[in-house]
C-alpha cells in the first residue's frame, strides 16, 4: 500500500469509522511504514470492537515481537488465543499458539 492508499482508507473511515476491514487495512499500512505506536492503537481498536477482530491480536503480537517487546507480545497473543477460542476460530488460535511458542524464553 502506498500513502495514497492510506489516505483512501482514512477517507473511507471518515464515512464509516466502524468498518473493521478498513481499520485493519489502516493498521497494516501503519505497521508497514514503521508507525508502530499508531498501528498498535488501531489494532487495539479492533480488539475492542464487537465482535473482536481476531486477526488484530495475531498481527499486533507479531509486530510487538518484531519490535522486541516480547512480554507485551505474549500478553496480546494469550488474550487473542482466548478470544479466538471463544469465537470458535481454532485456526487463528493455533497460529497465535505457534507464534507464542516460537517466542520461547526470549526476553526472560
PDB file of N, CA and C in Angstrom:
ATOM      1  N   UNK A   1       0.838  -1.179   0.000  1.00  0.00           N
ATOM      2  CA  UNK A   1       0.000   0.000   0.000  1.00  0.00           C
ATOM      3  C   UNK A   1       0.880   1.238   0.000  1.00  0.00           C
ATOM      4  N   UNK A   2       0.451   2.221  -0.697  1.00  0.00           N
ATOM      5  CA  UNK A   2       1.176   3.481  -0.745  1.00  0.00           C
ATOM      6  C   UNK A   2       0.481   4.489   0.154  1.00  0.00           C
ATOM      7  N   UNK A   3       1.126   5.651   0.324  1.00  0.00           N
ATOM      8  CA  UNK A   3       0.495   6.693   1.118  1.00  0.00           C
ATOM      9  C   UNK A   3      -0.854   7.078   0.549  1.00  0.00           C
ATOM     10  N   UNK A   4      -0.986   7.097  -0.778  1.00  0.00           N
ATOM     11  CA  UNK A   4      -2.282   7.427  -1.364  1.00  0.00           C
ATOM     12  C   UNK A   4      -3.326   6.384  -0.958  1.00  0.00           C
ATOM     13  N   UNK A   5      -2.920   5.155  -0.848  1.00  0.00           N
ATOM     14  CA  UNK A   5      -3.844   4.100  -0.388  1.00  0.00           C
ATOM     15  C   UNK A   5      -4.220   4.346   1.064  1.00  0.00           C
ATOM     16  N   UNK A   6      -3.236   4.732   1.859  1.00  0.00           N
ATOM     17  CA  UNK A   6      -3.504   5.065   3.261  1.00  0.00           C
ATOM     18  C   UNK A   6      -4.507   6.217   3.338  1.00  0.00           C
ATOM     19  N   UNK A   7      -4.315   7.225   2.515  1.00  0.00           N
ATOM     20  CA  UNK A   7      -5.238   8.360   2.504  1.00  0.00           C
ATOM     21  C   UNK A   7      -6.640   7.925   2.071  1.00  0.00           C
ATOM     22  N   UNK A   8      -6.711   7.014   1.121  1.00  0.00           N
ATOM     23  CA  UNK A   8      -8.012   6.493   0.693  1.00  0.00           C
ATOM     24  C   UNK A   8      -8.706   5.777   1.848  1.00  0.00           C
ATOM     25  N   UNK A   9      -7.942   4.978   2.573  1.00  0.00           N
ATOM     26  CA  UNK A   9      -8.507   4.259   3.718  1.00  0.00           C
ATOM     27  C   UNK A   9      -9.007   5.244   4.766  1.00  0.00           C
ATOM     28  N   UNK A  10      -8.189   6.256   5.066  1.00  0.00           N
ATOM     29  CA  UNK A  10      -8.594   7.262   6.051  1.00  0.00           C
ATOM     30  C   UNK A  10      -9.872   7.974   5.618  1.00  0.00           C
ATOM     31  N   UNK A  11      -9.958   8.284   4.346  1.00  0.00           N
ATOM     32  CA  UNK A  11     -11.149   8.949   3.822  1.00  0.00           C
ATOM     33  C   UNK A  11     -12.380   8.054   3.959  1.00  0.00           C
ATOM     34  N   UNK A  12     -12.227   6.788   3.628  1.00  0.00           N
ATOM     35  CA  UNK A  12     -13.343   5.850   3.755  1.00  0.00           C
ATOM     36  C   UNK A  12     -13.745   5.655   5.214  1.00  0.00           C
ATOM     37  N   UNK A  13     -12.765   5.663   6.114  1.00  0.00           N
ATOM     38  CA  UNK A  13     -13.067   5.524   7.540  1.00  0.00           C
ATOM     39  C   UNK A  13     -13.838   6.719   8.082  1.00  0.00           C
ATOM     40  N   UNK A  14     -13.628   7.885   7.482  1.00  0.00           N
ATOM     41  CA  UNK A  14     -14.410   9.054   7.897  1.00  0.00           C
ATOM     42  C   UNK A  14     -15.895   8.803   7.668  1.00  0.00           C
ATOM     43  N   UNK A  15     -16.216   8.127   6.577  1.00  0.00           N
ATOM     44  CA  UNK A  15     -17.610   7.821   6.253  1.00  0.00           C
ATOM     45  C   UNK A  15     -18.161   6.669   7.076  1.00  0.00           C
ATOM     46  N   UNK A  16     -17.295   5.733   7.461  1.00  0.00           N
ATOM     47  CA  UNK A  16     -17.740   4.566   8.227  1.00  0.00           C
ATOM     48  C   UNK A  16     -16.652   4.140   9.208  1.00  0.00           C
ATOM     49  N   UNK A  17     -16.541   4.837  10.351  1.00  0.00           N
ATOM     50  CA  UNK A  17     -15.481   4.528  11.312  1.00  0.00           C
ATOM     51  C   UNK A  17     -15.603   3.144  11.947  1.00  0.00           C
ATOM     52  N   UNK A  18     -16.738   2.486  11.773  1.00  0.00           N
ATOM     53  CA  UNK A  18     -16.913   1.158  12.363  1.00  0.00           C
ATOM     54  C   UNK A  18     -16.534   0.031  11.407  1.00  0.00           C
ATOM     55  N   UNK A  19     -16.020   0.359  10.231  1.00  0.00           N
ATOM     56  CA  UNK A  19     -15.645  -0.660   9.248  1.00  0.00           C
ATOM     57  C   UNK A  19     -14.320  -1.299   9.666  1.00  0.00           C
ATOM     58  N   UNK A  20     -14.419  -2.492  10.258  1.00  0.00           N
ATOM     59  CA  UNK A  20     -13.224  -3.161  10.769  1.00  0.00           C
ATOM     60  C   UNK A  20     -12.251  -3.578   9.675  1.00  0.00           C
ATOM     61  N   UNK A  21     -12.754  -3.895   8.513  1.00  0.00           N
ATOM     62  CA  UNK A  21     -11.859  -4.267   7.417  1.00  0.00           C
ATOM     63  C   UNK A  21     -10.978  -3.084   7.029  1.00  0.00           C
ATOM     64  N   UNK A  22     -11.571  -1.900   6.945  1.00  0.00           N
ATOM     65  CA  UNK A  22     -10.788  -0.693   6.636  1.00  0.00           C
ATOM     66  C   UNK A  22      -9.808  -0.378   7.762  1.00  0.00           C
ATOM     67  N   UNK A  23     -10.266  -0.502   9.004  1.00  0.00           N
ATOM     68  CA  UNK A  23      -9.398  -0.209  10.145  1.00  0.00           C
ATOM     69  C   UNK A  23      -8.203  -1.169  10.166  1.00  0.00           C
ATOM     70  N   UNK A  24      -8.455  -2.436   9.831  1.00  0.00           N
ATOM     71  CA  UNK A  24      -7.370  -3.415   9.763  1.00  0.00           C
ATOM     72  C   UNK A  24      -6.383  -3.026   8.666  1.00  0.00           C
ATOM     73  N   UNK A  25      -6.894  -2.596   7.523  1.00  0.00           N
ATOM     74  CA  UNK A  25      -6.025  -2.135   6.439  1.00  0.00           C
ATOM     75  C   UNK A  25      -5.178  -0.951   6.866  1.00  0.00           C
ATOM     76  N   UNK A  26      -5.774  -0.034   7.616  1.00  0.00           N
ATOM     77  CA  UNK A  26      -5.026   1.117   8.122  1.00  0.00           C
ATOM     78  C   UNK A  26      -3.941   0.668   9.089  1.00  0.00           C
ATOM     79  N   UNK A  27      -4.280  -0.229  10.000  1.00  0.00           N
ATOM     80  CA  UNK A  27      -3.288  -0.730  10.957  1.00  0.00           C
ATOM     81  C   UNK A  27      -2.119  -1.393  10.236  1.00  0.00           C
ATOM     82  N   UNK A  28      -2.423  -2.169   9.218  1.00  0.00           N
ATOM     83  CA  UNK A  28      -1.364  -2.849   8.473  1.00  0.00           C
ATOM     84  C   UNK A  28      -0.493  -1.849   7.717  1.00  0.00           C
ATOM     85  N   UNK A  29      -1.107  -0.812   7.157  1.00  0.00           N
ATOM     86  CA  UNK A  29      -0.336   0.217   6.457  1.00  0.00           C
ATOM     87  C   UNK A  29       0.572   0.960   7.439  1.00  0.00           C
ATOM     88  N   UNK A  30       0.041   1.301   8.586  1.00  0.00           N
ATOM     89  CA  UNK A  30       0.848   1.992   9.595  1.00  0.00           C
ATOM     90  C   UNK A  30       2.019   1.116  10.039  1.00  0.00           C
ATOM     91  N   UNK A  31       1.744  -0.165  10.234  1.00  0.00           N
ATOM     92  CA  UNK A  31       2.814  -1.097  10.615  1.00  0.00           C
ATOM     93  C   UNK A  31       3.886  -1.142   9.531  1.00  0.00           C
ATOM     94  N   UNK A  32       3.445  -1.232   8.293  1.00  0.00           N
ATOM     95  CA  UNK A  32       4.375  -1.333   7.164  1.00  0.00           C
ATOM     96  C   UNK A  32       5.284  -0.113   7.072  1.00  0.00           C
ATOM     97  N   UNK A  33       4.731   1.069   7.347  1.00  0.00           N
ATOM     98  CA  UNK A  33       5.540   2.287   7.251  1.00  0.00           C
ATOM     99  C   UNK A  33       6.350   2.554   8.517  1.00  0.00           C
ATOM    100  N   UNK A  34       6.234   1.673   9.506  1.00  0.00           N
ATOM    101  CA  UNK A  34       7.027   1.815  10.728  1.00  0.00           C
ATOM    102  C   UNK A  34       6.398   2.686  11.795  1.00  0.00           C
ATOM    103  N   UNK A  35       5.147   3.042  11.621  1.00  0.00           N
ATOM    104  CA  UNK A  35       4.427   3.837  12.629  1.00  0.00           C
ATOM    105  C   UNK A  35       3.789   2.877  13.632  1.00  0.00           C
ATOM    106  N   UNK A  36       4.655   2.216  14.411  1.00  0.00           N
ATOM    107  CA  UNK A  36       4.201   1.125  15.269  1.00  0.00           C
ATOM    108  C   UNK A  36       3.247   1.559  16.370  1.00  0.00           C
ATOM    109  N   UNK A  37       3.489   2.709  16.985  1.00  0.00           N
ATOM    110  CA  UNK A  37       2.588   3.169  18.051  1.00  0.00           C
ATOM    111  C   UNK A  37       1.188   3.410  17.494  1.00  0.00           C
ATOM    112  N   UNK A  38       1.115   4.030  16.325  1.00  0.00           N
ATOM    113  CA  UNK A  38      -0.187   4.282  15.694  1.00  0.00           C
ATOM    114  C   UNK A  38      -0.843   2.974  15.260  1.00  0.00           C
ATOM    115  N   UNK A  39      -0.048   2.057  14.746  1.00  0.00           N
ATOM    116  CA  UNK A  39      -0.589   0.758  14.339  1.00  0.00           C
ATOM    117  C   UNK A  39      -1.165   0.033  15.548  1.00  0.00           C
ATOM    118  N   UNK A  40      -0.454   0.103  16.665  1.00  0.00           N
ATOM    119  CA  UNK A  40      -0.936  -0.570  17.877  1.00  0.00           C
ATOM    120  C   UNK A  40      -2.279   0.009  18.318  1.00  0.00           C
ATOM    121  N   UNK A  41      -2.423   1.318  18.240  1.00  0.00           N
ATOM    122  CA  UNK A  41      -3.704   1.950  18.593  1.00  0.00           C
ATOM    123  C   UNK A  41      -4.825   1.387  17.720  1.00  0.00           C
ATOM    124  N   UNK A  42      -4.568   1.275  16.433  1.00  0.00           N
ATOM    125  CA  UNK A  42      -5.595   0.754  15.520  1.00  0.00           C
ATOM    126  C   UNK A  42      -5.890  -0.719  15.795  1.00  0.00           C
ATOM    127  N   UNK A  43      -4.841  -1.507  16.056  1.00  0.00           N
ATOM    128  CA  UNK A  43      -5.065  -2.915  16.400  1.00  0.00           C
ATOM    129  C   UNK A  43      -5.909  -3.015  17.670  1.00  0.00           C
ATOM    130  N   UNK A  44      -5.616  -2.161  18.657  1.00  0.00           N
ATOM    131  CA  UNK A  44      -6.366  -2.203  19.915  1.00  0.00           C
ATOM    132  C   UNK A  44      -7.826  -1.805  19.715  1.00  0.00           C
ATOM    133  N   UNK A  45      -8.092  -0.880  18.810  1.00  0.00           N
ATOM    134  CA  UNK A  45      -9.491  -0.546  18.491  1.00  0.00           C
ATOM    135  C   UNK A  45     -10.203  -1.778  17.941  1.00  0.00           C
ATOM    136  N   UNK A  46      -9.515  -2.516  17.096  1.00  0.00           N
ATOM    137  CA  UNK A  46     -10.098  -3.730  16.528  1.00  0.00           C
ATOM    138  C   UNK A  46     -10.329  -4.787  17.603  1.00  0.00           C
ATOM    139  N   UNK A  47      -9.421  -4.864  18.564  1.00  0.00           N
ATOM    140  CA  UNK A  47      -9.563  -5.835  19.645  1.00  0.00           C
ATOM    141  C   UNK A  47     -10.779  -5.521  20.515  1.00  0.00           C
ATOM    142  N   UNK A  48     -11.098  -4.240  20.647  1.00  0.00           N
ATOM    143  CA  UNK A  48     -12.232  -3.823  21.481  1.00  0.00           C
ATOM    144  C   UNK A  48     -13.543  -3.757  20.699  1.00  0.00           C
ATOM    145  N   UNK A  49     -13.491  -4.001  19.407  1.00  0.00           N
ATOM    146  CA  UNK A  49     -14.712  -3.918  18.598  1.00  0.00           C
ATOM    147  C   UNK A  49     -15.635  -5.095  18.928  1.00  0.00           C
ATOM    148  N   UNK A  50     -16.877  -4.997  18.489  1.00  0.00           N
ATOM    149  CA  UNK A  50     -17.842  -6.060  18.717  1.00  0.00           C
ATOM    150  C   UNK A  50     -18.330  -6.572  17.372  1.00  0.00           C
ATOM    151  N   UNK A  51     -18.085  -7.835  17.048  1.00  0.00           N
ATOM    152  CA  UNK A  51     -17.229  -8.762  17.783  1.00  0.00           C
ATOM    153  C   UNK A  51     -15.757  -8.400  17.583  1.00  0.00           C
ATOM    154  N   UNK A  52     -14.909  -8.854  18.507  1.00  0.00           N
ATOM    155  CA  UNK A  52     -13.478  -8.559  18.361  1.00  0.00           C
ATOM    156  C   UNK A  52     -12.932  -9.104  17.035  1.00  0.00           C
ATOM    157  N   UNK A  53     -12.022  -8.364  16.444  1.00  0.00           N
ATOM    158  CA  UNK A  53     -11.416  -8.732  15.160  1.00  0.00           C
ATOM    159  C   UNK A  53     -10.180  -9.577  15.461  1.00  0.00           C
ATOM    160  N   UNK A  54     -10.335 -10.890  15.421  1.00  0.00           N
ATOM    161  CA  UNK A  54      -9.324 -11.837  15.898  1.00  0.00           C
ATOM    162  C   UNK A  54      -7.956 -11.630  15.256  1.00  0.00           C
ATOM    163  N   UNK A  55      -7.915 -11.336  13.975  1.00  0.00           N
ATOM    164  CA  UNK A  55      -6.624 -11.173  13.293  1.00  0.00           C
ATOM    165  C   UNK A  55      -5.789 -10.054  13.907  1.00  0.00           C
ATOM    166  N   UNK A  56      -6.440  -9.100  14.559  1.00  0.00           N
ATOM    167  CA  UNK A  56      -5.708  -7.982  15.165  1.00  0.00           C
ATOM    168  C   UNK A  56      -4.764  -8.463  16.257  1.00  0.00           C
ATOM    169  N   UNK A  57      -5.176  -9.470  17.025  1.00  0.00           N
ATOM    170  CA  UNK A  57      -4.299  -9.971  18.084  1.00  0.00           C
ATOM    171  C   UNK A  57      -3.045 -10.601  17.490  1.00  0.00           C
ATOM    172  N   UNK A  58      -3.228 -11.398  16.455  1.00  0.00           N
ATOM    173  CA  UNK A  58      -2.068 -12.047  15.841  1.00  0.00           C
ATOM    174  C   UNK A  58      -1.097 -11.013  15.282  1.00  0.00           C
ATOM    175  N   UNK A  59      -1.623 -10.074  14.499  1.00  0.00           N
ATOM    176  CA  UNK A  59      -0.743  -9.096  13.853  1.00  0.00           C
ATOM    177  C   UNK A  59      -0.091  -8.165  14.871  1.00  0.00           C
ATOM    178  N   UNK A  60      -0.832  -7.771  15.897  1.00  0.00           N
ATOM    179  CA  UNK A  60      -0.258  -6.916  16.930  1.00  0.00           C
ATOM    180  C   UNK A  60       0.813  -7.687  17.706  1.00  0.00           C
ATOM    181  N   UNK A  61       0.518  -8.928  18.058  1.00  0.00           N
ATOM    182  CA  UNK A  61       1.502  -9.752  18.763  1.00  0.00           C
ATOM    183  C   UNK A  61       2.760  -9.953  17.941  1.00  0.00           C
ATOM    184  N   UNK A  62       2.593 -10.181  16.652  1.00  0.00           N
ATOM    185  CA  UNK A  62       3.734 -10.352  15.755  1.00  0.00           C
ATOM    186  C   UNK A  62       4.551  -9.067  15.670  1.00  0.00           C
ATOM    187  N   UNK A  63       3.873  -7.937  15.526  1.00  0.00           N
ATOM    188  CA  UNK A  63       4.562  -6.649  15.444  1.00  0.00           C
ATOM    189  C   UNK A  63       5.343  -6.374  16.726  1.00  0.00           C
ATOM    190  N   UNK A  64       4.722  -6.620  17.870  1.00  0.00           N
ATOM    191  CA  UNK A  64       5.399  -6.381  19.147  1.00  0.00           C
ATOM    192  C   UNK A  64       6.631  -7.270  19.285  1.00  0.00           C
ATOM    193  N   UNK A  65       6.522  -8.521  18.869  1.00  0.00           N
ATOM    194  CA  UNK A  65       7.672  -9.429  18.932  1.00  0.00           C
ATOM    195  C   UNK A  65       8.803  -8.926  18.050  1.00  0.00           C
ATOM    196  N   UNK A  66       8.467  -8.466  16.854  1.00  0.00           N
ATOM    197  CA  UNK A  66       9.485  -7.938  15.943  1.00  0.00           C
ATOM    198  C   UNK A  66      10.163  -6.700  16.517  1.00  0.00           C
ATOM    199  N   UNK A  67       9.434  -5.952  17.343  1.00  0.00           N
ATOM    200  CA  UNK A  67       9.981  -4.741  17.957  1.00  0.00           C
ATOM    201  C   UNK A  67      10.771  -5.059  19.224  1.00  0.00           C
ATOM    202  N   UNK A  68      10.781  -6.326  19.627  1.00  0.00           N
ATOM    203  CA  UNK A  68      11.499  -6.720  20.836  1.00  0.00           C
ATOM    204  C   UNK A  68      10.686  -6.571  22.107  1.00  0.00           C
ATOM    205  N   UNK A  69       9.410  -6.266  21.979  1.00  0.00           N
ATOM    206  CA  UNK A  69       8.522  -6.131  23.141  1.00  0.00           C
ATOM    207  C   UNK A  69       7.873  -7.495  23.403  1.00  0.00           C
ATOM    208  N   UNK A  70       8.723  -8.423  23.840  1.00  0.00           N
ATOM    209  CA  UNK A  70       8.338  -9.828  23.929  1.00  0.00           C
ATOM    210  C   UNK A  70       7.228 -10.064  24.951  1.00  0.00           C
ATOM    211  N   UNK A  71       7.343  -9.477  26.127  1.00  0.00           N
ATOM    212  CA  UNK A  71       6.326  -9.722  27.155  1.00  0.00           C
ATOM    213  C   UNK A  71       4.966  -9.168  26.730  1.00  0.00           C
ATOM    214  N   UNK A  72       4.963  -7.979  26.128  1.00  0.00           N
ATOM    215  CA  UNK A  72       3.706  -7.428  25.607  1.00  0.00           C
ATOM    216  C   UNK A  72       3.147  -8.328  24.511  1.00  0.00           C
ATOM    217  N   UNK A  73       4.026  -8.857  23.683  1.00  0.00           N
ATOM    218  CA  UNK A  73       3.598  -9.759  22.622  1.00  0.00           C
ATOM    219  C   UNK A  73       2.934 -10.996  23.217  1.00  0.00           C
ATOM    220  N   UNK A  74       3.557 -11.565  24.229  1.00  0.00           N
ATOM    221  CA  UNK A  74       2.984 -12.752  24.870  1.00  0.00           C
ATOM    222  C   UNK A  74       1.593 -12.460  25.431  1.00  0.00           C
ATOM    223  N   UNK A  75       1.462 -11.318  26.087  1.00  0.00           N
ATOM    224  CA  UNK A  75       0.173 -10.945  26.676  1.00  0.00           C
ATOM    225  C   UNK A  75      -0.899 -10.834  25.604  1.00  0.00           C
ATOM    226  N   UNK A  76      -0.582 -10.131  24.523  1.00  0.00           N
ATOM    227  CA  UNK A  76      -1.533  -9.954  23.421  1.00  0.00           C
ATOM    228  C   UNK A  76      -1.898 -11.308  22.819  1.00  0.00           C
ATOM    229  N   UNK A  77      -0.920 -12.154  22.603  1.00  0.00           N
ATOM    230  CA  UNK A  77      -1.186 -13.456  21.988  1.00  0.00           C
ATOM    231  C   UNK A  77      -2.035 -14.344  22.890  1.00  0.00           C
ATOM    232  N   UNK A  78      -1.760 -14.342  24.187  1.00  0.00           N
ATOM    233  CA  UNK A  78      -2.572 -15.150  25.111  1.00  0.00           C
ATOM    234  C   UNK A  78      -4.029 -14.692  25.099  1.00  0.00           C
ATOM    235  N   UNK A  79      -4.232 -13.386  25.125  1.00  0.00           N
ATOM    236  CA  UNK A  79      -5.598 -12.852  25.049  1.00  0.00           C
ATOM    237  C   UNK A  79      -6.248 -13.240  23.723  1.00  0.00           C
ATOM    238  N   UNK A  80      -5.486 -13.124  22.652  1.00  0.00           N
ATOM    239  CA  UNK A  80      -6.009 -13.454  21.330  1.00  0.00           C
ATOM    240  C   UNK A  80      -6.406 -14.909  21.195  1.00  0.00           C
ATOM    241  N   UNK A  81      -5.616 -15.788  21.776  1.00  0.00           N
ATOM    242  CA  UNK A  81      -5.937 -17.220  21.739  1.00  0.00           C
ATOM    243  C   UNK A  81      -7.277 -17.462  22.428  1.00  0.00           C
ATOM    244  N   UNK A  82      -7.475 -16.835  23.576  1.00  0.00           N
ATOM    245  CA  UNK A  82      -8.733 -16.995  24.312  1.00  0.00           C
ATOM    246  C   UNK A  82      -9.919 -16.470  23.499  1.00  0.00           C
ATOM    247  N   UNK A  83      -9.769 -15.294  22.910  1.00  0.00           N
ATOM    248  CA  UNK A  83     -10.845 -14.710  22.095  1.00  0.00           C
ATOM    249  C   UNK A  83     -11.139 -15.595  20.882  1.00  0.00           C
ATOM    250  N   UNK A  84     -10.087 -16.071  20.227  1.00  0.00           N
ATOM    251  CA  UNK A  84     -10.278 -16.935  19.053  1.00  0.00           C
ATOM    252  C   UNK A  84     -11.037 -18.202  19.441  1.00  0.00           C
ATOM    253  N   UNK A  85     -10.682 -18.780  20.571  1.00  0.00           N
ATOM    254  CA  UNK A  85     -11.391 -19.990  21.022  1.00  0.00           C
ATOM    255  C   UNK A  85     -12.855 -19.679  21.319  1.00  0.00           C
ATOM    256  N   UNK A  86     -13.109 -18.539  21.960  1.00  0.00           N
ATOM    257  CA  UNK A  86     -14.489 -18.142  22.261  1.00  0.00           C
ATOM    258  C   UNK A  86     -15.302 -17.980  20.985  1.00  0.00           C
ATOM    259  N   UNK A  87     -14.654 -17.541  19.918  1.00  0.00           N
ATOM    260  CA  UNK A  87     -15.342 -17.344  18.638  1.00  0.00           C
ATOM    261  C   UNK A  87     -15.339 -18.604  17.775  1.00  0.00           C
ATOM    262  N   UNK A  88     -14.749 -19.675  18.293  1.00  0.00           N
ATOM    263  CA  UNK A  88     -14.706 -20.922  17.543  1.00  0.00           C
ATOM    264  C   UNK A  88     -13.714 -20.915  16.397  1.00  0.00           C
ATOM    265  N   UNK A  89     -12.716 -20.051  16.479  1.00  0.00           N
ATOM    266  CA  UNK A  89     -11.711 -19.929  15.415  1.00  0.00           C
ATOM    267  C   UNK A  89     -10.440 -20.670  15.820  1.00  0.00           C
ATOM    268  N   UNK A  90     -10.486 -21.979  15.669  1.00  0.00           N
ATOM    269  CA  UNK A  90      -9.355 -22.813  16.046  1.00  0.00           C
ATOM    270  C   UNK A  90      -8.110 -22.540  15.225  1.00  0.00           C
ATOM    271  N   UNK A  91      -8.300 -22.177  13.968  1.00  0.00           N
ATOM    272  CA  UNK A  91      -7.150 -21.890  13.101  1.00  0.00           C
ATOM    273  C   UNK A  91      -6.366 -20.693  13.631  1.00  0.00           C
ATOM    274  N   UNK A  92      -7.067 -19.604  13.937  1.00  0.00           N
ATOM    275  CA  UNK A  92      -6.391 -18.408  14.458  1.00  0.00           C
ATOM    276  C   UNK A  92      -5.753 -18.699  15.808  1.00  0.00           C
ATOM    277  N   UNK A  93      -6.460 -19.444  16.660  1.00  0.00           N
ATOM    278  CA  UNK A  93      -5.899 -19.798  17.967  1.00  0.00           C
ATOM    279  C   UNK A  93      -4.616 -20.600  17.784  1.00  0.00           C
ATOM    280  N   UNK A  94      -4.616 -21.514  16.820  1.00  0.00           N
ATOM    281  CA  UNK A  94      -3.431 -22.319  16.550  1.00  0.00           C
ATOM    282  C   UNK A  94      -2.260 -21.490  16.052  1.00  0.00           C
ATOM    283  N   UNK A  95      -2.534 -20.552  15.146  1.00  0.00           N
ATOM    284  CA  UNK A  95      -1.462 -19.693  14.632  1.00  0.00           C
ATOM    285  C   UNK A  95      -0.861 -18.841  15.746  1.00  0.00           C
ATOM    286  N   UNK A  96      -1.730 -18.295  16.598  1.00  0.00           N
ATOM    287  CA  UNK A  96      -1.210 -17.487  17.706  1.00  0.00           C
ATOM    288  C   UNK A  96      -0.451 -18.353  18.696  1.00  0.00           C
ATOM    289  N   UNK A  97      -0.925 -19.574  18.910  1.00  0.00           N
ATOM    290  CA  UNK A  97      -0.217 -20.502  19.787  1.00  0.00           C
ATOM    291  C   UNK A  97       1.173 -20.826  19.262  1.00  0.00           C
ATOM    292  N   UNK A  98       1.278 -21.009  17.953  1.00  0.00           N
ATOM    293  CA  UNK A  98       2.589 -21.280  17.349  1.00  0.00           C
ATOM    294  C   UNK A  98       3.523 -20.090  17.502  1.00  0.00           C
ATOM    295  N   UNK A  99       3.003 -18.887  17.281  1.00  0.00           N
ATOM    296  CA  UNK A  99       3.837 -17.697  17.447  1.00  0.00           C
ATOM    297  C   UNK A  99       4.262 -17.553  18.901  1.00  0.00           C
ATOM    298  N   UNK A 100       3.340 -17.774  19.816  1.00  0.00           N
ATOM    299  CA  UNK A 100       3.658 -17.693  21.240  1.00  0.00           C
ATOM    300  C   UNK A 100       4.749 -18.699  21.601  1.00  0.00           C
ATOM    301  N   UNK A 101       4.617 -19.922  21.122  1.00  0.00           N
ATOM    302  CA  UNK A 101       5.623 -20.951  21.401  1.00  0.00           C
ATOM    303  C   UNK A 101       6.972 -20.581  20.795  1.00  0.00           C
ATOM    304  N   UNK A 102       6.959 -19.942  19.631  1.00  0.00           N
ATOM    305  CA  UNK A 102       8.219 -19.578  18.974  1.00  0.00           C
ATOM    306  C   UNK A 102       8.981 -18.513  19.752  1.00  0.00           C
ATOM    307  N   UNK A 103       8.270 -17.775  20.598  1.00  0.00           N
ATOM    308  CA  UNK A 103       8.949 -16.756  21.404  1.00  0.00           C
ATOM    309  C   UNK A 103       9.771 -17.400  22.510  1.00  0.00           C
ATOM    310  N   UNK A 104       9.412 -18.639  22.872  1.00  0.00           N
ATOM    311  CA  UNK A 104      10.182 -19.386  23.852  1.00  0.00           C
ATOM    312  C   UNK A 104      10.544 -18.559  25.059  1.00  0.00           C
ATOM    313  N   UNK A 105      11.822 -18.535  25.372  1.00  0.00           N
ATOM    314  CA  UNK A 105      12.295 -17.800  26.550  1.00  0.00           C
ATOM    315  C   UNK A 105      12.878 -16.443  26.174  1.00  0.00           C
ATOM    316  N   UNK A 106      12.594 -15.972  24.965  1.00  0.00           N
ATOM    317  CA  UNK A 106      13.077 -14.647  24.566  1.00  0.00           C
ATOM    318  C   UNK A 106      12.599 -13.594  25.551  1.00  0.00           C
ATOM    319  N   UNK A 107      13.456 -12.691  25.888  1.00  0.00           N
ATOM    320  CA  UNK A 107      13.086 -11.574  26.741  1.00  0.00           C
ATOM    321  C   UNK A 107      12.982 -11.898  28.213  1.00  0.00           C
ATOM    322  N   UNK A 108      13.249 -13.134  28.587  1.00  0.00           N
ATOM    323  CA  UNK A 108      13.160 -13.500  30.007  1.00  0.00           C
ATOM    324  C   UNK A 108      14.503 -13.393  30.673  1.00  0.00           C
TER     325      UNK A 108
END
